[in-house]
N, C-alpha and C. Protein backbone atom coordinates (compact mmCIF):
# COMPACT_ATOMS: atom_id res chain seq x y z
N UNK A 1 14.55 9.47 -11.16
CA UNK A 1 13.84 9.92 -11.51
C UNK A 1 13.67 10.89 -10.94
N UNK A 2 12.96 11.70 -11.05
CA UNK A 2 12.26 12.41 -10.47
C UNK A 2 11.01 12.17 -10.15
N UNK A 3 9.87 12.85 -9.21
CA UNK A 3 9.02 12.42 -8.44
C UNK A 3 7.36 12.73 -9.64
N UNK A 4 6.96 12.01 -10.19
CA UNK A 4 5.64 12.47 -10.64
C UNK A 4 5.99 12.16 -12.04
N UNK A 5 7.31 11.92 -12.94
CA UNK A 5 7.93 12.13 -14.28
C UNK A 5 6.72 10.57 -14.98
N UNK A 6 6.42 11.26 -15.59
CA UNK A 6 5.79 10.38 -16.43
C UNK A 6 6.50 9.65 -17.60
N UNK A 7 6.51 8.61 -18.61
CA UNK A 7 6.95 8.07 -19.62
C UNK A 7 5.79 8.34 -20.82
N UNK A 8 6.54 9.14 -21.77
CA UNK A 8 5.31 9.30 -23.25
C UNK A 8 6.02 8.24 -24.07
N UNK A 9 5.30 7.33 -24.58
CA UNK A 9 6.02 6.47 -25.52
C UNK A 9 5.05 5.24 -25.63
N UNK A 10 5.00 4.08 -26.28
CA UNK A 10 4.44 3.11 -27.22
C UNK A 10 3.75 2.49 -25.98
N UNK A 11 3.20 1.52 -26.68
CA UNK A 11 2.75 0.07 -25.83
C UNK A 11 3.29 -0.26 -24.80
N UNK A 12 2.68 -0.32 -23.56
CA UNK A 12 3.81 -0.81 -21.95
C UNK A 12 4.06 1.07 -21.09
N UNK A 13 3.98 1.66 -22.17
CA UNK A 13 4.04 2.72 -21.07
C UNK A 13 2.67 2.53 -19.75
N UNK A 14 1.91 2.70 -19.93
CA UNK A 14 0.69 2.91 -18.71
C UNK A 14 1.40 1.85 -17.98
N UNK A 15 1.99 0.68 -18.23
CA UNK A 15 1.95 -0.15 -16.70
C UNK A 15 3.50 0.55 -16.48
N UNK A 16 4.29 0.94 -16.75
CA UNK A 16 6.02 2.00 -16.65
C UNK A 16 5.53 2.69 -15.61
N UNK A 17 4.71 3.47 -15.77
CA UNK A 17 3.76 4.24 -15.18
C UNK A 17 3.52 4.34 -13.80
N UNK A 18 2.54 2.97 -13.53
CA UNK A 18 1.94 2.50 -12.94
C UNK A 18 2.98 1.66 -11.89
N UNK A 19 3.89 0.99 -12.57
CA UNK A 19 5.23 0.79 -12.09
C UNK A 19 5.93 1.69 -11.16
N UNK A 20 5.81 2.53 -11.52
CA UNK A 20 7.24 3.33 -11.30
C UNK A 20 6.11 4.38 -9.44
N UNK A 21 4.64 4.25 -9.81
CA UNK A 21 4.08 4.59 -8.45
C UNK A 21 4.49 3.64 -7.16
N UNK A 22 4.39 2.44 -8.17
CA UNK A 22 4.19 1.79 -6.21
C UNK A 22 5.70 0.98 -6.29
N UNK A 23 6.47 1.28 -7.26
CA UNK A 23 7.40 0.31 -7.44
C UNK A 23 8.68 0.79 -6.19
N UNK A 24 9.23 0.09 -5.34
CA UNK A 24 10.09 0.20 -4.30
C UNK A 24 9.30 -0.69 -3.53
N UNK A 25 10.85 -0.99 -2.64
CA UNK A 25 10.50 -2.18 -1.82
C UNK A 25 8.98 -2.45 -0.63
N UNK A 26 8.54 -1.03 -0.33
CA UNK A 26 7.76 -1.25 0.62
C UNK A 26 6.36 -0.46 0.07
N UNK A 27 6.50 0.18 -1.15
CA UNK A 27 5.41 1.21 -1.38
C UNK A 27 4.18 0.61 -1.55
N UNK A 28 4.10 -0.93 -2.21
CA UNK A 28 2.60 -1.55 -2.67
C UNK A 28 2.33 -2.25 -1.21
N UNK A 29 3.42 -2.33 -0.16
CA UNK A 29 3.02 -3.45 1.28
C UNK A 29 2.48 -1.61 1.99
N UNK A 30 2.66 -0.88 2.31
CA UNK A 30 2.25 0.12 2.30
C UNK A 30 1.13 0.39 2.30
N UNK A 31 0.91 1.06 0.75
CA UNK A 31 -0.60 0.68 -0.09
C UNK A 31 -1.50 -0.61 0.91
N UNK A 32 -1.17 -1.87 0.63
CA UNK A 32 -1.99 -2.63 0.86
C UNK A 32 -2.66 -2.51 2.83
N UNK A 33 -1.59 -2.00 3.83
CA UNK A 33 -1.97 -1.80 4.85
C UNK A 33 -2.29 -0.36 4.99
N UNK A 34 -2.36 0.65 4.73
CA UNK A 34 -3.83 1.58 4.51
C UNK A 34 -5.19 1.36 3.87
N UNK A 35 -5.12 0.15 2.99
CA UNK A 35 -6.16 -0.27 2.42
C UNK A 35 -6.79 -0.66 3.22
N UNK A 36 -6.09 -1.97 3.86
CA UNK A 36 -6.45 -2.68 4.80
C UNK A 36 -7.11 -1.75 6.19
N UNK A 37 -6.68 -0.83 5.84
CA UNK A 37 -7.31 0.22 7.54
C UNK A 37 -6.32 0.20 8.55
N UNK A 38 -5.59 -1.35 8.64
CA UNK A 38 -5.18 -1.75 10.40
C UNK A 38 -3.85 -1.05 10.64
N UNK A 39 -2.85 -0.19 9.53
CA UNK A 39 -1.95 1.24 9.84
C UNK A 39 -2.37 1.66 9.38
N UNK A 40 -2.34 3.35 9.84
CA UNK A 40 -2.38 4.55 9.66
C UNK A 40 -1.13 5.04 10.29
N UNK A 41 -1.06 4.94 11.09
CA UNK A 41 0.05 5.98 11.93
C UNK A 41 2.11 5.69 11.59
N UNK A 42 2.34 5.56 11.26
CA UNK A 42 3.95 5.39 11.30
C UNK A 42 4.45 4.68 12.01
N UNK A 43 4.19 4.77 13.33
CA UNK A 43 4.23 3.70 14.88
C UNK A 43 3.59 2.57 14.23
N UNK A 44 2.19 1.62 13.52
CA UNK A 44 1.71 1.06 13.66
C UNK A 44 1.94 0.63 11.80
N UNK A 45 1.85 1.35 10.97
CA UNK A 45 2.75 0.99 9.65
C UNK A 45 4.39 -0.23 9.86
N UNK A 46 5.06 0.85 11.18
CA UNK A 46 6.14 0.24 11.70
C UNK A 46 6.00 -0.88 12.25
N UNK A 47 5.30 -1.11 12.42
CA UNK A 47 4.96 -2.72 13.47
C UNK A 47 4.34 -3.69 12.42
N UNK A 48 3.53 -2.95 11.52
CA UNK A 48 3.31 -4.98 10.62
C UNK A 48 3.54 -4.62 9.69
N UNK A 49 4.93 -4.35 9.55
CA UNK A 49 6.00 -3.97 8.22
C UNK A 49 7.39 -4.30 9.27
N UNK A 50 7.76 -5.12 9.87
CA UNK A 50 8.69 -5.36 10.40
C UNK A 50 10.21 -5.68 9.88
N UNK A 51 9.90 -5.57 8.88
CA UNK A 51 12.01 -5.83 7.73
C UNK A 51 12.22 -4.82 7.52
N UNK A 52 10.88 -3.56 7.60
CA UNK A 52 11.35 -2.04 6.67
C UNK A 52 12.64 -1.30 8.05
N UNK A 53 13.32 -0.63 8.00
CA UNK A 53 13.18 0.24 8.95
C UNK A 53 12.70 1.72 8.65
N UNK A 54 12.73 2.33 9.81
CA UNK A 54 12.42 3.79 9.92
C UNK A 54 12.86 4.61 9.20
N UNK A 55 13.77 4.98 8.52
CA UNK A 55 14.32 5.37 7.54
C UNK A 55 14.36 5.17 6.68
N UNK A 56 13.38 4.10 5.95
CA UNK A 56 12.62 3.25 4.44
C UNK A 56 11.70 3.54 4.33
N UNK A 57 10.84 3.34 6.50
CA UNK A 57 9.60 3.60 5.88
C UNK A 57 8.93 5.07 5.90
N UNK A 58 10.38 6.04 6.22
CA UNK A 58 9.22 7.63 6.04
C UNK A 58 9.91 7.97 4.87
N UNK A 59 11.29 7.27 3.98
CA UNK A 59 11.77 7.33 2.79
C UNK A 59 10.15 7.23 1.61
N UNK A 60 9.88 6.01 1.62
CA UNK A 60 8.69 5.55 0.73
C UNK A 60 7.43 5.83 1.11
N UNK A 61 7.11 6.85 2.57
CA UNK A 61 5.59 7.77 2.50
C UNK A 61 5.92 8.71 1.88
N UNK A 62 7.32 9.25 2.45
CA UNK A 62 7.25 10.30 1.67
C UNK A 62 7.23 10.90 -0.07
N UNK A 63 7.86 9.46 -0.91
CA UNK A 63 7.89 9.49 -2.25
C UNK A 63 6.37 9.19 -2.56
N UNK A 64 5.45 8.24 -1.66
CA UNK A 64 4.20 8.43 -1.88
C UNK A 64 2.89 9.11 -1.55
N UNK A 65 3.57 10.17 -0.96
CA UNK A 65 3.00 11.63 -0.56
C UNK A 65 3.65 12.31 -1.90
N UNK A 66 4.48 12.88 -2.25
CA UNK A 66 5.42 13.61 -3.08
C UNK A 66 4.41 12.74 -4.63
N UNK A 67 4.14 12.12 -4.84
CA UNK A 67 3.79 11.65 -5.80
C UNK A 67 1.38 11.37 -5.33
N UNK A 68 1.36 11.92 -4.55
CA UNK A 68 -0.13 11.84 -4.22
C UNK A 68 -1.36 11.30 -4.17
N UNK A 69 -0.27 10.21 -3.43
CA UNK A 69 -1.38 9.35 -3.15
C UNK A 69 -1.94 9.00 -2.43
N UNK A 70 -1.27 9.36 -0.99
CA UNK A 70 -1.28 9.60 0.06
C UNK A 70 -1.41 11.36 0.65
N UNK A 71 -1.81 11.40 2.06
CA UNK A 71 -1.90 12.08 2.27
C UNK A 71 -1.10 11.98 3.87
N UNK A 72 -0.47 12.90 4.18
CA UNK A 72 0.32 13.19 6.02
C UNK A 72 -0.71 14.04 6.81
N UNK A 73 -1.00 13.67 7.96
CA UNK A 73 -1.80 15.38 8.51
C UNK A 73 -1.16 14.86 10.03
N UNK A 74 -1.18 15.52 10.76
CA UNK A 74 -0.83 15.51 12.21
C UNK A 74 -2.05 14.32 13.46
N UNK A 75 -1.46 13.03 13.76
CA UNK A 75 -3.13 12.66 14.48
C UNK A 75 -3.52 13.21 15.55
N UNK A 76 -3.08 13.66 16.43
CA UNK A 76 -3.02 14.27 17.82
C UNK A 76 -2.68 15.31 18.17
N UNK A 77 -4.11 16.08 19.14
CA UNK A 77 -3.80 17.46 19.20
C UNK A 77 -2.90 17.86 19.73
N UNK A 78 -1.30 17.46 20.36
CA UNK A 78 -0.26 17.81 20.60
C UNK A 78 0.69 17.88 18.81
N UNK A 79 0.00 17.31 17.61
CA UNK A 79 0.83 16.58 16.36
C UNK A 79 1.71 16.20 16.45
N UNK A 80 1.98 15.16 17.23
CA UNK A 80 3.17 14.27 17.47
C UNK A 80 2.73 12.54 16.71
N UNK A 81 1.57 12.66 16.94
CA UNK A 81 1.30 11.14 15.70
C UNK A 81 0.94 11.95 14.41
N UNK A 82 1.52 10.92 14.32
CA UNK A 82 1.34 11.17 11.68
C UNK A 82 0.21 10.35 11.68
N UNK A 83 -0.60 10.67 10.92
CA UNK A 83 -2.17 9.64 10.61
C UNK A 83 -1.43 9.74 8.92
N UNK A 84 -1.71 8.51 7.84
CA UNK A 84 -1.24 8.81 6.16
C UNK A 84 -2.94 8.05 6.20
N UNK A 85 -3.30 8.55 4.76
CA UNK A 85 -4.25 8.26 4.67
C UNK A 85 -4.37 8.61 3.31
N UNK A 86 -4.93 7.42 2.09
CA UNK A 86 -5.46 7.28 0.99
C UNK A 86 -5.82 9.29 0.42
N UNK A 87 -5.11 9.36 -0.61
CA UNK A 87 -6.10 10.43 -1.74
C UNK A 87 -7.11 10.04 -2.30
N UNK A 88 -7.87 10.65 -2.70
CA UNK A 88 -8.49 9.99 -3.98
C UNK A 88 -8.21 9.59 -5.13
N UNK A 89 -6.88 10.00 -5.13
CA UNK A 89 -6.22 9.90 -6.26
C UNK A 89 -5.63 8.49 -6.13
N UNK A 90 -5.08 7.52 -4.34
CA UNK A 90 -4.54 6.59 -4.38
C UNK A 90 -5.44 5.61 -4.09
N UNK A 91 -6.48 6.23 -3.91
CA UNK A 91 -7.50 5.06 -3.81
C UNK A 91 -8.30 4.49 -5.41
N UNK A 92 -7.63 5.26 -6.08
CA UNK A 92 -7.79 4.03 -7.70
C UNK A 92 -6.95 3.24 -7.66
N UNK A 93 -5.66 3.30 -7.17
CA UNK A 93 -5.29 1.81 -6.71
C UNK A 93 -5.30 0.78 -6.09
N UNK A 94 -6.36 0.71 -5.15
CA UNK A 94 -7.34 -0.53 -5.03
C UNK A 94 -7.50 -1.36 -5.56
N UNK A 95 -7.55 -1.47 -7.04
CA UNK A 95 -8.23 -2.83 -7.87
C UNK A 95 -6.62 -3.39 -8.16
N UNK A 96 -5.37 -2.68 -8.05
CA UNK A 96 -3.87 -3.16 -8.66
C UNK A 96 -3.98 -3.29 -7.08
N UNK A 97 -3.72 -3.28 -6.38
CA UNK A 97 -2.83 -3.46 -4.60
C UNK A 97 -3.62 -5.18 -4.65
N UNK A 98 -5.16 -4.85 -4.73
CA UNK A 98 -6.20 -6.04 -4.54
C UNK A 98 -6.09 -6.97 -5.59
N UNK A 99 -5.76 -7.05 -6.66
CA UNK A 99 -5.48 -8.23 -7.58
C UNK A 99 -3.70 -8.94 -7.27
N UNK A 100 -3.03 -7.46 -6.53
CA UNK A 100 -1.21 -7.95 -5.90
C UNK A 100 -1.22 -8.78 -5.19
N UNK A 101 -2.24 -8.82 -4.13
CA UNK A 101 -2.59 -9.08 -2.95
C UNK A 101 -3.27 -10.84 -3.19
N UNK A 102 -3.82 -10.76 -4.17
CA UNK A 102 -4.77 -11.66 -4.41
C UNK A 102 -4.02 -13.10 -5.39
N UNK A 103 -2.86 -12.57 -6.15
CA UNK A 103 -2.26 -13.37 -7.12
C UNK A 103 -1.11 -13.63 -6.15
N UNK A 104 -0.59 -13.24 -5.14
CA UNK A 104 0.12 -13.47 -4.75
C UNK A 104 0.03 -14.21 -3.00
N UNK A 105 -1.55 -14.27 -3.25
CA UNK A 105 -1.93 -15.52 -2.07
C UNK A 105 -2.39 -16.71 -3.21
N UNK A 106 -2.43 -16.52 -4.43
CA UNK A 106 -2.17 -17.91 -5.35
C UNK A 106 -1.12 -18.35 -5.25
N UNK A 107 -0.19 -17.42 -5.37
CA UNK A 107 1.79 -17.74 -6.09
C UNK A 107 1.81 -18.82 -4.68
N UNK A 108 1.51 -17.88 -3.32
CA UNK A 108 1.86 -19.18 -1.96
C UNK A 108 1.23 -20.35 -1.62
N UNK A 109 0.01 -20.04 -2.14
CA UNK A 109 -0.48 -21.23 -1.89
C UNK A 109 -0.15 -22.67 -3.11
N UNK A 110 0.59 -21.69 -4.50
CA UNK A 110 0.66 -23.50 -5.43
C UNK A 110 2.35 -23.77 -4.72
N UNK A 111 2.77 -22.63 -4.27
CA UNK A 111 4.34 -23.02 -3.74
C UNK A 111 4.44 -23.52 -2.11
N UNK A 112 3.52 -23.63 -1.89
CA UNK A 112 3.55 -24.74 -0.75
C UNK A 112 3.00 -25.99 -0.94
N UNK A 113 2.22 -26.20 -2.22
CA UNK A 113 1.76 -27.26 -2.74
C UNK A 113 2.86 -28.39 -3.68
N UNK A 114 3.77 -27.41 -3.80
CA UNK A 114 4.76 -28.11 -4.75
C UNK A 114 5.96 -28.16 -3.67
N UNK A 115 5.84 -28.10 -2.39
CA UNK A 115 7.03 -27.80 -2.36
C UNK A 115 6.92 -29.00 -1.24
C-alpha cells in the first residue's frame, strides 16, 4: 500500500484509515514517546524502545514522516543529532494514543490479577 492511501468505502473505513497510519510494530510506541516528550532524538527513541532495531526504527520514522504525522529536523548546530516532533496533524492522534495507553494499562492490570 502506498503511503497516504485512503480507503473510500463503507462503515469501518475511518477506523481502517486510522489503523493504516499507526500500524506497524513500533509506530504507536514511537508516537507514545513523542507525546510523552521523553524521547525526541533517534538515539533516545532507540533507547526507549530497546527491542526495535535501528533499521526498523528508521523505517517506521520515515513512514510517519511521509504520512505527515511527524517532522524531522537537525537538532544540533552540526546537524548530526536528528530531532523528531509531531506535526499539527500528528497532534490530533493524542487522544488515540492516550486511549491505547489507558487500555493497555487496564489490560496489563487484569492479566496480573488473573495470573
